[in-house]
PDB file of N, CA and C in Angstrom:
ATOM      1  N   MET A   1     -56.500 151.946-132.670  1.00  0.00           N
ATOM      2  CA  MET A   1     -56.330 153.085-132.915  1.00  0.00           C
ATOM      3  C   MET A   1     -56.521 154.039-131.569  1.00  0.00           C
ATOM      4  N   HIS A   2     -56.100 154.715-130.528  1.00  0.00           N
ATOM      5  CA  HIS A   2     -56.188 154.662-129.426  1.00  0.00           C
ATOM      6  C   HIS A   2     -56.811 156.680-129.038  1.00  0.00           C
ATOM      7  N   HIS A   3     -58.080 156.320-128.883  1.00  0.00           N
ATOM      8  CA  HIS A   3     -58.533 158.149-128.647  1.00  0.00           C
ATOM      9  C   HIS A   3     -58.741 158.776-126.968  1.00  0.00           C
ATOM     10  N   GLU A   4     -58.362 159.558-126.700  1.00  0.00           N
ATOM     11  CA  GLU A   4     -58.646 160.667-125.729  1.00  0.00           C
ATOM     12  C   GLU A   4     -59.810 160.878-125.115  1.00  0.00           C
ATOM     13  N   PRO A   5     -60.851 160.300-124.733  1.00  0.00           N
ATOM     14  CA  PRO A   5     -61.810 161.159-123.235  1.00  0.00           C
ATOM     15  C   PRO A   5     -62.349 162.262-123.958  1.00  0.00           C
ATOM     16  N   ALA A   6     -63.016 163.115-124.572  1.00  0.00           N
ATOM     17  CA  ALA A   6     -62.750 164.594-124.858  1.00  0.00           C
ATOM     18  C   ALA A   6     -63.054 165.645-123.338  1.00  0.00           C
ATOM     19  N   ASP A   7     -63.262 164.672-122.036  1.00  0.00           N
ATOM     20  CA  ASP A   7     -62.681 165.692-121.439  1.00  0.00           C
ATOM     21  C   ASP A   7     -61.759 165.450-120.385  1.00  0.00           C
ATOM     22  N   SER A   8     -61.051 164.404-120.853  1.00  0.00           N
ATOM     23  CA  SER A   8     -59.007 164.568-120.186  1.00  0.00           C
ATOM     24  C   SER A   8     -58.300 165.631-121.401  1.00  0.00           C
ATOM     25  N   PRO A   9     -57.019 166.374-120.466  1.00  0.00           N
ATOM     26  CA  PRO A   9     -56.106 166.760-120.968  1.00  0.00           C
ATOM     27  C   PRO A   9     -55.351 166.322-121.892  1.00  0.00           C
ATOM     28  N   ALA A  10     -54.977 166.717-123.394  1.00  0.00           N
ATOM     29  CA  ALA A  10     -53.874 166.208-123.955  1.00  0.00           C
ATOM     30  C   ALA A  10     -52.478 166.258-123.528  1.00  0.00           C
ATOM     31  N   LEU A  11     -51.960 164.884-123.727  1.00  0.00           N
ATOM     32  CA  LEU A  11     -50.836 165.244-122.831  1.00  0.00           C
ATOM     33  C   LEU A  11     -49.453 166.340-123.039  1.00  0.00           C
ATOM     34  N   THR A  12     -49.893 166.980-124.527  1.00  0.00           N
ATOM     35  CA  THR A  12     -49.358 168.109-124.446  1.00  0.00           C
ATOM     36  C   THR A  12     -49.848 169.684-124.090  1.00  0.00           C
ATOM     37  N   SER A  13     -50.570 168.936-123.287  1.00  0.00           N
ATOM     38  CA  SER A  13     -51.395 170.903-122.374  1.00  0.00           C
ATOM     39  C   SER A  13     -50.658 170.379-120.709  1.00  0.00           C
ATOM     40  N   LEU A  14     -49.713 169.875-120.496  1.00  0.00           N
ATOM     41  CA  LEU A  14     -49.250 169.713-119.563  1.00  0.00           C
ATOM     42  C   LEU A  14     -47.435 170.428-119.168  1.00  0.00           C
ATOM     43  N   ARG A  15     -48.292 170.712-118.075  1.00  0.00           N
ATOM     44  CA  ARG A  15     -46.413 172.028-118.229  1.00  0.00           C
ATOM     45  C   ARG A  15     -45.633 170.887-117.433  1.00  0.00           C
ATOM     46  N   VAL A  16     -43.895 170.608-117.778  1.00  0.00           N
ATOM     47  CA  VAL A  16     -43.372 170.201-116.805  1.00  0.00           C
ATOM     48  C   VAL A  16     -42.625 171.072-116.523  1.00  0.00           C
ATOM     49  N   PRO A  17     -42.060 170.949-114.967  1.00  0.00           N
ATOM     50  CA  PRO A  17     -40.874 171.940-114.187  1.00  0.00           C
ATOM     51  C   PRO A  17     -39.768 171.798-114.826  1.00  0.00           C
ATOM     52  N   SER A  18     -38.967 172.851-115.655  1.00  0.00           N
ATOM     53  CA  SER A  18     -37.462 173.287-116.186  1.00  0.00           C
ATOM     54  C   SER A  18     -36.415 172.122-115.137  1.00  0.00           C
ATOM     55  N   GLN A  19     -35.767 171.660-115.577  1.00  0.00           N
ATOM     56  CA  GLN A  19     -34.991 170.496-115.192  1.00  0.00           C
ATOM     57  C   GLN A  19     -33.201 171.254-115.025  1.00  0.00           C
ATOM     58  N   GLY A  20     -33.244 173.119-114.887  1.00  0.00           N
ATOM     59  CA  GLY A  20     -32.367 173.791-115.064  1.00  0.00           C
ATOM     60  C   GLY A  20     -31.555 173.378-113.737  1.00  0.00           C
ATOM     61  N   PRO A  21     -29.308 173.631-114.419  1.00  0.00           N
ATOM     62  CA  PRO A  21     -29.795 173.926-112.845  1.00  0.00           C
ATOM     63  C   PRO A  21     -29.409 174.464-111.211  1.00  0.00           C
ATOM     64  N   GLU A  22     -28.742 173.949-110.859  1.00  0.00           N
ATOM     65  CA  GLU A  22     -28.744 174.198-108.970  1.00  0.00           C
ATOM     66  C   GLU A  22     -29.134 176.376-109.171  1.00  0.00           C
ATOM     67  N   PRO A  23     -28.934 176.761-109.294  1.00  0.00           N
ATOM     68  CA  PRO A  23     -28.917 178.349-108.646  1.00  0.00           C
ATOM     69  C   PRO A  23     -27.916 178.144-107.785  1.00  0.00           C
ATOM     70  N   THR A  24     -26.474 179.495-108.308  1.00  0.00           N
ATOM     71  CA  THR A  24     -24.941 180.083-107.361  1.00  0.00           C
ATOM     72  C   THR A  24     -25.169 179.665-105.868  1.00  0.00           C
ATOM     73  N   HIS A  25     -24.955 179.529-104.917  1.00  0.00           N
ATOM     74  CA  HIS A  25     -24.969 180.753-103.561  1.00  0.00           C
ATOM     75  C   HIS A  25     -24.107 181.346-102.785  1.00  0.00           C
ATOM     76  N   SER A  26     -24.533 182.751-103.440  1.00  0.00           N
ATOM     77  CA  SER A  26     -23.706 183.550-102.624  1.00  0.00           C
ATOM     78  C   SER A  26     -24.604 184.070-101.037  1.00  0.00           C
ATOM     79  N   THR A  27     -23.515 184.073 -99.514  1.00  0.00           N
ATOM     80  CA  THR A  27     -24.021 183.996 -98.839  1.00  0.00           C
ATOM     81  C   THR A  27     -23.014 185.136 -98.245  1.00  0.00           C
ATOM     82  N   THR A  28     -24.020 186.163 -97.879  1.00  0.00           N
ATOM     83  CA  THR A  28     -24.008 187.009 -96.487  1.00  0.00           C
ATOM     84  C   THR A  28     -24.171 187.612 -95.209  1.00  0.00           C
ATOM     85  N   THR A  29     -23.087 188.486 -94.373  1.00  0.00           N
ATOM     86  CA  THR A  29     -24.459 187.678 -92.879  1.00  0.00           C
ATOM     87  C   THR A  29     -24.599 189.767 -93.028  1.00  0.00           C
ATOM     88  N   VAL A  30     -25.951 189.934 -92.771  1.00  0.00           N
ATOM     89  CA  VAL A  30     -25.838 191.135 -92.281  1.00  0.00           C
ATOM     90  C   VAL A  30     -26.915 192.351 -90.855  1.00  0.00           C
ATOM     91  N   GLU A  31     -26.753 193.098 -90.422  1.00  0.00           N
ATOM     92  CA  GLU A  31     -26.355 193.416 -89.429  1.00  0.00           C
ATOM     93  C   GLU A  31     -27.050 193.959 -89.183  1.00  0.00           C
ATOM     94  N   ARG A  32     -28.587 193.537 -87.997  1.00  0.00           N
ATOM     95  CA  ARG A  32     -29.421 195.222 -88.428  1.00  0.00           C
ATOM     96  C   ARG A  32     -29.950 195.254 -86.366  1.00  0.00           C
ATOM     97  N   GLY A  33     -29.318 195.877 -86.479  1.00  0.00           N
ATOM     98  CA  GLY A  33     -29.253 196.493 -84.534  1.00  0.00           C
ATOM     99  C   GLY A  33     -28.636 195.577 -83.703  1.00  0.00           C
ATOM    100  N   SER A  34     -29.230 194.690 -82.678  1.00  0.00           N
ATOM    101  CA  SER A  34     -28.556 193.186 -82.324  1.00  0.00           C
ATOM    102  C   SER A  34     -28.578 192.342 -82.716  1.00  0.00           C
ATOM    103  N   PHE A  35     -28.837 192.312 -84.262  1.00  0.00           N
ATOM    104  CA  PHE A  35     -29.205 191.641 -84.738  1.00  0.00           C
ATOM    105  C   PHE A  35     -28.330 191.040 -86.275  1.00  0.00           C
ATOM    106  N   CYS A  36     -28.429 189.700 -86.176  1.00  0.00           N
ATOM    107  CA  CYS A  36     -27.241 189.647 -87.586  1.00  0.00           C
ATOM    108  C   CYS A  36     -27.872 187.892 -87.956  1.00  0.00           C
ATOM    109  N   LEU A  37     -27.754 188.607 -89.633  1.00  0.00           N
ATOM    110  CA  LEU A  37     -29.090 187.234 -90.296  1.00  0.00           C
ATOM    111  C   LEU A  37     -28.002 187.214 -91.126  1.00  0.00           C
ATOM    112  N   ALA A  38     -28.511 185.604 -91.978  1.00  0.00           N
ATOM    113  CA  ALA A  38     -27.803 185.302 -92.654  1.00  0.00           C
ATOM    114  C   ALA A  38     -28.243 185.290 -94.307  1.00  0.00           C
ATOM    115  N   ARG A  39     -28.259 185.699 -95.407  1.00  0.00           N
ATOM    116  CA  ARG A  39     -28.457 186.547 -97.028  1.00  0.00           C
ATOM    117  C   ARG A  39     -28.040 185.532 -97.707  1.00  0.00           C
ATOM    118  N   CYS A  40     -28.763 185.083 -98.856  1.00  0.00           N
ATOM    119  CA  CYS A  40     -28.593 184.837-100.357  1.00  0.00           C
ATOM    120  C   CYS A  40     -28.858 185.045-101.218  1.00  0.00           C
ATOM    121  N   SER A  41     -28.754 185.321-102.455  1.00  0.00           N
ATOM    122  CA  SER A  41     -28.166 185.292-103.086  1.00  0.00           C
ATOM    123  C   SER A  41     -29.198 184.313-104.344  1.00  0.00           C
ATOM    124  N   CYS A  42     -29.739 184.071-103.916  1.00  0.00           N
ATOM    125  CA  CYS A  42     -30.861 182.906-103.811  1.00  0.00           C
ATOM    126  C   CYS A  42     -32.108 183.291-103.758  1.00  0.00           C
ATOM    127  N   GLY A  43     -32.446 184.417-102.953  1.00  0.00           N
ATOM    128  CA  GLY A  43     -33.183 184.941-101.565  1.00  0.00           C
ATOM    129  C   GLY A  43     -33.896 185.113-100.463  1.00  0.00           C
ATOM    130  N   TRP A  44     -33.138 183.385-100.868  1.00  0.00           N
ATOM    131  CA  TRP A  44     -33.266 183.166 -98.943  1.00  0.00           C
ATOM    132  C   TRP A  44     -32.626 184.094 -98.112  1.00  0.00           C
ATOM    133  N   ALA A  45     -33.413 183.560 -96.383  1.00  0.00           N
ATOM    134  CA  ALA A  45     -32.643 184.964 -95.279  1.00  0.00           C
ATOM    135  C   ALA A  45     -33.165 183.403 -94.420  1.00  0.00           C
ATOM    136  N   GLY A  46     -31.986 183.515 -92.663  1.00  0.00           N
ATOM    137  CA  GLY A  46     -32.121 183.003 -92.462  1.00  0.00           C
ATOM    138  C   GLY A  46     -32.196 184.049 -91.045  1.00  0.00           C
ATOM    139  N   PRO A  47     -32.136 183.438 -89.894  1.00  0.00           N
ATOM    140  CA  PRO A  47     -33.450 183.566 -88.366  1.00  0.00           C
ATOM    141  C   PRO A  47     -32.653 185.234 -88.286  1.00  0.00           C
ATOM    142  N   ALA A  48     -33.094 185.986 -88.302  1.00  0.00           N
ATOM    143  CA  ALA A  48     -31.863 186.931 -87.519  1.00  0.00           C
ATOM    144  C   ALA A  48     -31.546 186.508 -85.884  1.00  0.00           C
ATOM    145  N   ARG A  49     -30.797 186.729 -85.338  1.00  0.00           N
ATOM    146  CA  ARG A  49     -29.852 186.020 -84.653  1.00  0.00           C
ATOM    147  C   ARG A  49     -28.932 186.686 -83.213  1.00  0.00           C
ATOM    148  N   ARG A  50     -28.346 187.062 -82.760  1.00  0.00           N
ATOM    149  CA  ARG A  50     -27.301 187.316 -81.458  1.00  0.00           C
ATOM    150  C   ARG A  50     -26.601 187.223 -81.867  1.00  0.00           C
ATOM    151  N   SER A  51     -26.386 186.237 -82.010  1.00  0.00           N
ATOM    152  CA  SER A  51     -24.616 185.606 -82.254  1.00  0.00           C
ATOM    153  C   SER A  51     -24.181 185.776 -83.830  1.00  0.00           C
ATOM    154  N   ARG A  52     -23.231 186.277 -84.159  1.00  0.00           N
ATOM    155  CA  ARG A  52     -22.687 186.533 -85.850  1.00  0.00           C
ATOM    156  C   ARG A  52     -22.186 185.248 -86.101  1.00  0.00           C
ATOM    157  N   ASP A  53     -21.733 184.112 -84.930  1.00  0.00           N
ATOM    158  CA  ASP A  53     -21.127 183.050 -85.447  1.00  0.00           C
ATOM    159  C   ASP A  53     -22.248 182.033 -85.915  1.00  0.00           C
ATOM    160  N   ARG A  54     -23.612 182.083 -85.272  1.00  0.00           N
ATOM    161  CA  ARG A  54     -23.932 181.084 -85.280  1.00  0.00           C
ATOM    162  C   ARG A  54     -25.028 181.741 -87.628  1.00  0.00           C
ATOM    163  N   ALA A  55     -25.266 182.971 -87.009  1.00  0.00           N
ATOM    164  CA  ALA A  55     -25.360 183.888 -89.144  1.00  0.00           C
ATOM    165  C   ALA A  55     -24.275 182.906 -89.885  1.00  0.00           C
ATOM    166  N   ARG A  56     -23.195 183.084 -89.663  1.00  0.00           N
ATOM    167  CA  ARG A  56     -22.146 182.703 -90.436  1.00  0.00           C
ATOM    168  C   ARG A  56     -22.908 180.597 -90.664  1.00  0.00           C
ATOM    169  N   THR A  57     -22.925 180.231 -89.113  1.00  0.00           N
ATOM    170  CA  THR A  57     -23.353 178.729 -89.526  1.00  0.00           C
ATOM    171  C   THR A  57     -23.858 178.072 -90.250  1.00  0.00           C
ATOM    172  N   ASP A  58     -25.488 179.299 -89.935  1.00  0.00           N
ATOM    173  CA  ASP A  58     -26.587 179.268 -90.846  1.00  0.00           C
ATOM    174  C   ASP A  58     -26.071 179.337 -92.868  1.00  0.00           C
ATOM    175  N   ALA A  59     -25.519 179.813 -92.726  1.00  0.00           N
ATOM    176  CA  ALA A  59     -25.239 180.881 -94.052  1.00  0.00           C
ATOM    177  C   ALA A  59     -24.514 179.005 -94.761  1.00  0.00           C
ATOM    178  N   ALA A  60     -23.500 179.131 -93.859  1.00  0.00           N
ATOM    179  CA  ALA A  60     -22.964 178.153 -94.458  1.00  0.00           C
ATOM    180  C   ALA A  60     -23.532 177.153 -94.555  1.00  0.00           C
ATOM    181  N   GLU A  61     -23.680 175.700 -93.938  1.00  0.00           N
ATOM    182  CA  GLU A  61     -25.754 174.994 -94.324  1.00  0.00           C
ATOM    183  C   GLU A  61     -26.260 175.752 -95.193  1.00  0.00           C
ATOM    184  N   HIS A  62     -27.146 176.665 -95.280  1.00  0.00           N
ATOM    185  CA  HIS A  62     -27.531 176.132 -96.003  1.00  0.00           C
ATOM    186  C   HIS A  62     -26.678 176.265 -97.820  1.00  0.00           C
ATOM    187  N   SER A  63     -25.671 176.844 -97.682  1.00  0.00           N
ATOM    188  CA  SER A  63     -24.449 177.178 -99.406  1.00  0.00           C
ATOM    189  C   SER A  63     -24.263 175.484 -99.592  1.00  0.00           C
ATOM    190  N   ALA A  64     -24.624 174.714 -98.448  1.00  0.00           N
ATOM    191  CA  ALA A  64     -24.740 173.015 -98.047  1.00  0.00           C
ATOM    192  C   ALA A  64     -24.967 172.631 -98.316  1.00  0.00           C
ATOM    193  N   GLY A  65     -26.570 172.968 -98.767  1.00  0.00           N
ATOM    194  CA  GLY A  65     -27.454 172.209 -98.431  1.00  0.00           C
ATOM    195  C   GLY A  65     -28.574 171.941 -97.397  1.00  0.00           C
ATOM    196  N   ARG A  66     -27.934 172.009 -96.950  1.00  0.00           N
ATOM    197  CA  ARG A  66     -28.839 171.966 -95.388  1.00  0.00           C
ATOM    198  C   ARG A  66     -29.492 172.436 -94.671  1.00  0.00           C
ATOM    199  N   ALA A  67     -30.225 173.387 -95.191  1.00  0.00           N
ATOM    200  CA  ALA A  67     -31.234 173.764 -94.780  1.00  0.00           C
ATOM    201  C   ALA A  67     -32.265 173.830 -95.113  1.00  0.00           C
ATOM    202  N   ASP A  68     -33.712 174.390 -93.906  1.00  0.00           N
ATOM    203  CA  ASP A  68     -34.121 173.877 -93.921  1.00  0.00           C
ATOM    204  C   ASP A  68     -35.429 174.562 -95.196  1.00  0.00           C
ATOM    205  N   SER A  69     -34.972 176.358 -95.283  1.00  0.00           N
ATOM    206  CA  SER A  69     -35.194 176.985 -96.050  1.00  0.00           C
ATOM    207  C   SER A  69     -34.190 176.611 -97.440  1.00  0.00           C
ATOM    208  N   ARG A  70     -34.247 176.162 -98.930  1.00  0.00           N
ATOM    209  CA  ARG A  70     -33.646 176.482-100.214  1.00  0.00           C
ATOM    210  C   ARG A  70     -33.986 177.004-100.605  1.00  0.00           C
TER     211      ARG A  70
END
């Protein structure tokens, strides 16, 4: 018969993060003065860009899973 030492946590007390489905990414661009930035429904926001096209590219890369901050 195997017994856990008194100072070690029981396996039932360990939490495993949920392995649910990936969140849906719905991106948009937002104007702030002379800057534009991409935002996502998951909470991600890209850097402020002077180029609207670059902000749209940031959004597309995020949606495809290629952005650094997901």
